[in-house]
Amino acid sequence: MTKYEKLIEELKSVNPEEAASLEEEIDIIVHKLKFLPIESFSNVVLLDQQKNFEPYTSSTIAEKVKIAGGNLISNLDSNADKIIIIQQDDSLYNILPSLLRKPEIRDSKAFTDNTIYIIYRSNFDKDDINYLSDTEILAEILQPKYFFYGRDGIDWVKFEIN
């Protein structure tokens, strides 16, 4: 059973309306993407500032990335199509120039294609209550032609290299 399915089951007993809403919204995302060819799903790596920019992986974040239209990869050597940096604090912008000079980032498809993003929502992937909003953030980043939730500039931003 996925994290998403567990959340729905838990919510059904506590708040059936919220469970139905979560299920409906996730189903809309899944339905919109089910007709896309597999090559439309970007390989994405998440780097967590809090964890010294090590690739961020967990079964829950992999599930959210998949629902949102991407494939989570666990290292930069896999030549990510998109790099998402999870910001912990404002010191990120002082560290970012040296981070972007690392060969595995500088030589990546994400760097070449200018597809590096920063999620600066402090509670990103921290609480189950944010499962839907986390997934919407990822959907806007990974499949911008299909999803617009108005979170760009509020919870995340595209980092312009040039």
C-alpha atoms as a PDB file:
ATOM      1  CA  MET A   1       0.000   0.000   0.000  1.00  0.00           C
ATOM      2  CA  THR A   2       1.388   3.403  -0.957  1.00  0.00           C
ATOM      3  CA  LYS A   3       1.701   6.362   1.390  1.00  0.00           C
ATOM      4  CA  TYR A   4      -1.050   8.065  -0.575  1.00  0.00           C
ATOM      5  CA  GLU A   5      -3.415   5.104  -0.110  1.00  0.00           C
ATOM      6  CA  LYS A   6      -2.620   4.966   3.615  1.00  0.00           C
ATOM      7  CA  LEU A   7      -3.357   8.683   3.978  1.00  0.00           C
ATOM      8  CA  ILE A   8      -6.720   8.289   2.245  1.00  0.00           C
ATOM      9  CA  GLU A   9      -7.672   5.401   4.527  1.00  0.00           C
ATOM     10  CA  GLU A  10      -6.635   7.298   7.659  1.00  0.00           C
ATOM     11  CA  LEU A  11      -8.504  10.427   6.580  1.00  0.00           C
ATOM     12  CA  LYS A  12     -11.698   8.560   5.735  1.00  0.00           C
ATOM     13  CA  SER A  13     -12.303   7.802   9.403  1.00  0.00           C
ATOM     14  CA  VAL A  14     -11.327  11.261  10.666  1.00  0.00           C
ATOM     15  CA  ASN A  15     -12.361  13.629   7.908  1.00  0.00           C
ATOM     16  CA  PRO A  16     -14.186  11.977   4.993  1.00  0.00           C
ATOM     17  CA  GLU A  17     -14.529  15.244   3.065  1.00  0.00           C
ATOM     18  CA  GLU A  18     -10.791  15.897   3.190  1.00  0.00           C
ATOM     19  CA  ALA A  19     -10.115  12.281   2.177  1.00  0.00           C
ATOM     20  CA  ALA A  20     -12.411  12.644  -0.829  1.00  0.00           C
ATOM     21  CA  SER A  21     -10.828  15.955  -1.795  1.00  0.00           C
ATOM     22  CA  LEU A  22      -7.277  14.567  -1.570  1.00  0.00           C
ATOM     23  CA  GLU A  23      -8.243  11.500  -3.571  1.00  0.00           C
ATOM     24  CA  GLU A  24      -9.973  13.591  -6.240  1.00  0.00           C
ATOM     25  CA  GLU A  25      -7.070  16.030  -6.636  1.00  0.00           C
ATOM     26  CA  ILE A  26      -4.435  13.297  -6.876  1.00  0.00           C
ATOM     27  CA  ASP A  27      -6.640  11.368  -9.321  1.00  0.00           C
ATOM     28  CA  ILE A  28      -6.836  14.485 -11.532  1.00  0.00           C
ATOM     29  CA  ILE A  29      -3.033  14.725 -11.641  1.00  0.00           C
ATOM     30  CA  VAL A  30      -2.673  11.018 -12.402  1.00  0.00           C
ATOM     31  CA  HIS A  31      -5.370  11.127 -15.080  1.00  0.00           C
ATOM     32  CA  LYS A  32      -3.813  14.117 -16.870  1.00  0.00           C
ATOM     33  CA  LEU A  33      -0.475  12.348 -17.070  1.00  0.00           C
ATOM     34  CA  LYS A  34      -1.529   8.822 -17.908  1.00  0.00           C
ATOM     35  CA  PHE A  35      -1.631   9.536 -21.627  1.00  0.00           C
ATOM     36  CA  LEU A  36       1.873  11.020 -21.792  1.00  0.00           C
ATOM     37  CA  PRO A  37       4.644   8.922 -23.311  1.00  0.00           C
ATOM     38  CA  ILE A  38       7.282   7.670 -20.886  1.00  0.00           C
ATOM     39  CA  GLU A  39       9.912  10.012 -22.372  1.00  0.00           C
ATOM     40  CA  SER A  40       7.850  12.969 -21.117  1.00  0.00           C
ATOM     41  CA  PHE A  41       8.715  12.011 -17.545  1.00  0.00           C
ATOM     42  CA  SER A  42      11.918  13.818 -16.522  1.00  0.00           C
ATOM     43  CA  ASN A  43      14.633  12.236 -14.434  1.00  0.00           C
ATOM     44  CA  VAL A  44      14.868  14.454 -11.401  1.00  0.00           C
ATOM     45  CA  VAL A  45      17.211  14.617  -8.447  1.00  0.00           C
ATOM     46  CA  LEU A  46      16.362  16.514  -5.273  1.00  0.00           C
ATOM     47  CA  LEU A  47      19.210  18.027  -3.291  1.00  0.00           C
ATOM     48  CA  ASP A  48      18.540  18.908   0.330  1.00  0.00           C
ATOM     49  CA  GLN A  49      20.379  21.906   1.791  1.00  0.00           C
ATOM     50  CA  GLN A  50      19.741  20.572   5.283  1.00  0.00           C
ATOM     51  CA  LYS A  51      21.611  17.378   4.380  1.00  0.00           C
ATOM     52  CA  ASN A  52      24.620  19.104   2.762  1.00  0.00           C
ATOM     53  CA  PHE A  53      23.072  18.842  -0.712  1.00  0.00           C
ATOM     54  CA  GLU A  54      23.083  15.083  -0.755  1.00  0.00           C
ATOM     55  CA  PRO A  55      20.417  13.607  -3.034  1.00  0.00           C
ATOM     56  CA  TYR A  56      17.171  13.415  -1.118  1.00  0.00           C
ATOM     57  CA  THR A  57      15.310  10.145  -1.437  1.00  0.00           C
ATOM     58  CA  SER A  58      12.558   8.388   0.410  1.00  0.00           C
ATOM     59  CA  SER A  59       9.706   6.155  -0.647  1.00  0.00           C
ATOM     60  CA  THR A  60       7.267   9.020  -0.030  1.00  0.00           C
ATOM     61  CA  ILE A  61       9.138  11.593  -2.118  1.00  0.00           C
ATOM     62  CA  ALA A  62       9.630   9.012  -4.894  1.00  0.00           C
ATOM     63  CA  GLU A  63       5.864   8.435  -4.859  1.00  0.00           C
ATOM     64  CA  LYS A  64       5.129  12.175  -5.026  1.00  0.00           C
ATOM     65  CA  VAL A  65       7.592  12.659  -7.905  1.00  0.00           C
ATOM     66  CA  LYS A  66       6.031   9.752  -9.802  1.00  0.00           C
ATOM     67  CA  ILE A  67       2.497  11.073  -9.321  1.00  0.00           C
ATOM     68  CA  ALA A  68       3.696  14.535 -10.416  1.00  0.00           C
ATOM     69  CA  GLY A  69       5.159  13.204 -13.652  1.00  0.00           C
ATOM     70  CA  GLY A  70       8.799  12.453 -13.015  1.00  0.00           C
ATOM     71  CA  ASN A  71      11.280   9.749 -12.131  1.00  0.00           C
ATOM     72  CA  LEU A  72      13.283  10.257  -8.948  1.00  0.00           C
ATOM     73  CA  ILE A  73      16.943   9.393  -9.317  1.00  0.00           C
ATOM     74  CA  SER A  74      19.236   9.005  -6.364  1.00  0.00           C
ATOM     75  CA  ASN A  75      22.469  10.532  -7.641  1.00  0.00           C
ATOM     76  CA  LEU A  76      23.800  13.301  -9.813  1.00  0.00           C
ATOM     77  CA  ASP A  77      25.880  10.878 -11.864  1.00  0.00           C
ATOM     78  CA  SER A  78      22.676   9.779 -13.593  1.00  0.00           C
ATOM     79  CA  ASN A  79      22.612  13.078 -15.504  1.00  0.00           C
ATOM     80  CA  ALA A  80      19.349  14.496 -14.214  1.00  0.00           C
ATOM     81  CA  ASP A  81      16.991  16.323 -16.573  1.00  0.00           C
ATOM     82  CA  LYS A  82      15.942  18.537 -13.669  1.00  0.00           C
ATOM     83  CA  ILE A  83      17.560  19.386 -10.358  1.00  0.00           C
ATOM     84  CA  ILE A  84      15.408  20.549  -7.470  1.00  0.00           C
ATOM     85  CA  ILE A  85      17.100  22.062  -4.444  1.00  0.00           C
ATOM     86  CA  ILE A  86      15.190  22.017  -1.181  1.00  0.00           C
ATOM     87  CA  GLN A  87      16.122  25.212   0.645  1.00  0.00           C
ATOM     88  CA  GLN A  88      16.565  25.143   4.400  1.00  0.00           C
ATOM     89  CA  ASP A  89      17.534  28.768   5.007  1.00  0.00           C
ATOM     90  CA  ASP A  90      18.671  31.969   3.302  1.00  0.00           C
ATOM     91  CA  SER A  91      22.331  30.925   3.320  1.00  0.00           C
ATOM     92  CA  LEU A  92      21.510  28.860   0.221  1.00  0.00           C
ATOM     93  CA  TYR A  93      22.101  31.834  -2.052  1.00  0.00           C
ATOM     94  CA  ASN A  94      25.626  32.297  -0.671  1.00  0.00           C
ATOM     95  CA  ILE A  95      26.401  28.602  -1.193  1.00  0.00           C
ATOM     96  CA  LEU A  96      24.701  28.211  -4.567  1.00  0.00           C
ATOM     97  CA  PRO A  97      27.537  29.535  -6.799  1.00  0.00           C
ATOM     98  CA  SER A  98      30.007  26.953  -5.444  1.00  0.00           C
ATOM     99  CA  LEU A  99      27.364  24.216  -5.596  1.00  0.00           C
ATOM    100  CA  LEU A 100      26.706  24.984  -9.259  1.00  0.00           C
ATOM    101  CA  ARG A 101      30.434  24.747 -10.025  1.00  0.00           C
ATOM    102  CA  LYS A 102      30.543  21.097  -8.945  1.00  0.00           C
ATOM    103  CA  PRO A 103      31.305  19.051 -12.086  1.00  0.00           C
ATOM    104  CA  GLU A 104      28.383  16.651 -11.592  1.00  0.00           C
ATOM    105  CA  ILE A 105      26.004  19.630 -11.600  1.00  0.00           C
ATOM    106  CA  ARG A 106      27.792  21.816 -14.150  1.00  0.00           C
ATOM    107  CA  ASP A 107      27.991  18.881 -16.596  1.00  0.00           C
ATOM    108  CA  SER A 108      24.395  17.780 -16.089  1.00  0.00           C
ATOM    109  CA  LYS A 109      21.574  18.076 -18.596  1.00  0.00           C
ATOM    110  CA  ALA A 110      19.685  20.136 -15.992  1.00  0.00           C
ATOM    111  CA  PHE A 111      22.451  22.752 -15.897  1.00  0.00           C
ATOM    112  CA  THR A 112      22.792  22.819 -19.688  1.00  0.00           C
ATOM    113  CA  ASP A 113      19.019  23.119 -20.157  1.00  0.00           C
ATOM    114  CA  ASN A 114      18.656  25.669 -17.335  1.00  0.00           C
ATOM    115  CA  THR A 115      16.219  23.452 -15.423  1.00  0.00           C
ATOM    116  CA  ILE A 116      17.288  23.965 -11.836  1.00  0.00           C
ATOM    117  CA  TYR A 117      14.596  24.789  -9.297  1.00  0.00           C
ATOM    118  CA  ILE A 118      14.498  25.813  -5.659  1.00  0.00           C
ATOM    119  CA  ILE A 119      11.711  24.799  -3.317  1.00  0.00           C
ATOM    120  CA  TYR A 120      11.760  27.216  -0.416  1.00  0.00           C
ATOM    121  CA  ARG A 121       8.685  26.010   1.386  1.00  0.00           C
ATOM    122  CA  SER A 122       9.932  25.280   4.895  1.00  0.00           C
ATOM    123  CA  ASN A 123       7.683  22.273   5.502  1.00  0.00           C
ATOM    124  CA  PHE A 124       8.166  20.591   2.120  1.00  0.00           C
ATOM    125  CA  ASP A 125       7.877  16.811   2.548  1.00  0.00           C
ATOM    126  CA  LYS A 126       7.841  17.137   6.335  1.00  0.00           C
ATOM    127  CA  ASP A 127       4.195  16.397   7.185  1.00  0.00           C
ATOM    128  CA  ASP A 128       1.565  14.088   5.727  1.00  0.00           C
ATOM    129  CA  ILE A 129      -0.928  16.947   5.831  1.00  0.00           C
ATOM    130  CA  ASN A 130       1.075  18.570   3.002  1.00  0.00           C
ATOM    131  CA  TYR A 131       1.029  15.532   0.699  1.00  0.00           C
ATOM    132  CA  LEU A 132      -1.194  17.230  -1.881  1.00  0.00           C
ATOM    133  CA  SER A 133       0.575  20.600  -1.830  1.00  0.00           C
ATOM    134  CA  ASP A 134       3.979  18.894  -2.104  1.00  0.00           C
ATOM    135  CA  THR A 135       2.725  16.909  -5.096  1.00  0.00           C
ATOM    136  CA  GLU A 136       1.284  20.050  -6.713  1.00  0.00           C
ATOM    137  CA  ILE A 137       4.627  21.843  -6.334  1.00  0.00           C
ATOM    138  CA  LEU A 138       6.387  18.947  -8.010  1.00  0.00           C
ATOM    139  CA  ALA A 139       3.748  18.728 -10.768  1.00  0.00           C
ATOM    140  CA  GLU A 140       4.185  22.428 -11.598  1.00  0.00           C
ATOM    141  CA  ILE A 141       7.951  21.948 -11.839  1.00  0.00           C
ATOM    142  CA  LEU A 142       7.983  18.617 -13.644  1.00  0.00           C
ATOM    143  CA  GLN A 143       5.018  19.067 -15.993  1.00  0.00           C
ATOM    144  CA  PRO A 144       4.483  22.830 -16.377  1.00  0.00           C
ATOM    145  CA  LYS A 145       2.488  22.437 -19.611  1.00  0.00           C
ATOM    146  CA  TYR A 146      -0.205  20.538 -17.725  1.00  0.00           C
ATOM    147  CA  PHE A 147      -0.270  22.012 -14.233  1.00  0.00           C
ATOM    148  CA  PHE A 148      -0.602  25.487 -12.802  1.00  0.00           C
ATOM    149  CA  TYR A 149      -1.494  25.840  -9.136  1.00  0.00           C
ATOM    150  CA  GLY A 150      -0.066  29.326  -8.593  1.00  0.00           C
ATOM    151  CA  ARG A 151       2.750  28.093  -6.350  1.00  0.00           C
ATOM    152  CA  ASP A 152       5.581  29.426  -8.559  1.00  0.00           C
ATOM    153  CA  GLY A 153       7.075  32.364  -6.673  1.00  0.00           C
ATOM    154  CA  ILE A 154       5.309  31.341  -3.473  1.00  0.00           C
ATOM    155  CA  ASP A 155       6.690  27.858  -2.706  1.00  0.00           C
ATOM    156  CA  TRP A 156       9.262  27.399  -5.460  1.00  0.00           C
ATOM    157  CA  VAL A 157      11.199  29.256  -8.130  1.00  0.00           C
ATOM    158  CA  LYS A 158      13.136  28.368 -11.251  1.00  0.00           C
ATOM    159  CA  PHE A 159      16.761  29.325 -10.740  1.00  0.00           C
ATOM    160  CA  GLU A 160      18.037  31.162 -13.800  1.00  0.00           C
ATOM    161  CA  ILE A 161      21.649  30.261 -14.466  1.00  0.00           C
ATOM    162  CA  ASN A 162      22.276  32.783 -17.212  1.00  0.00           C
END
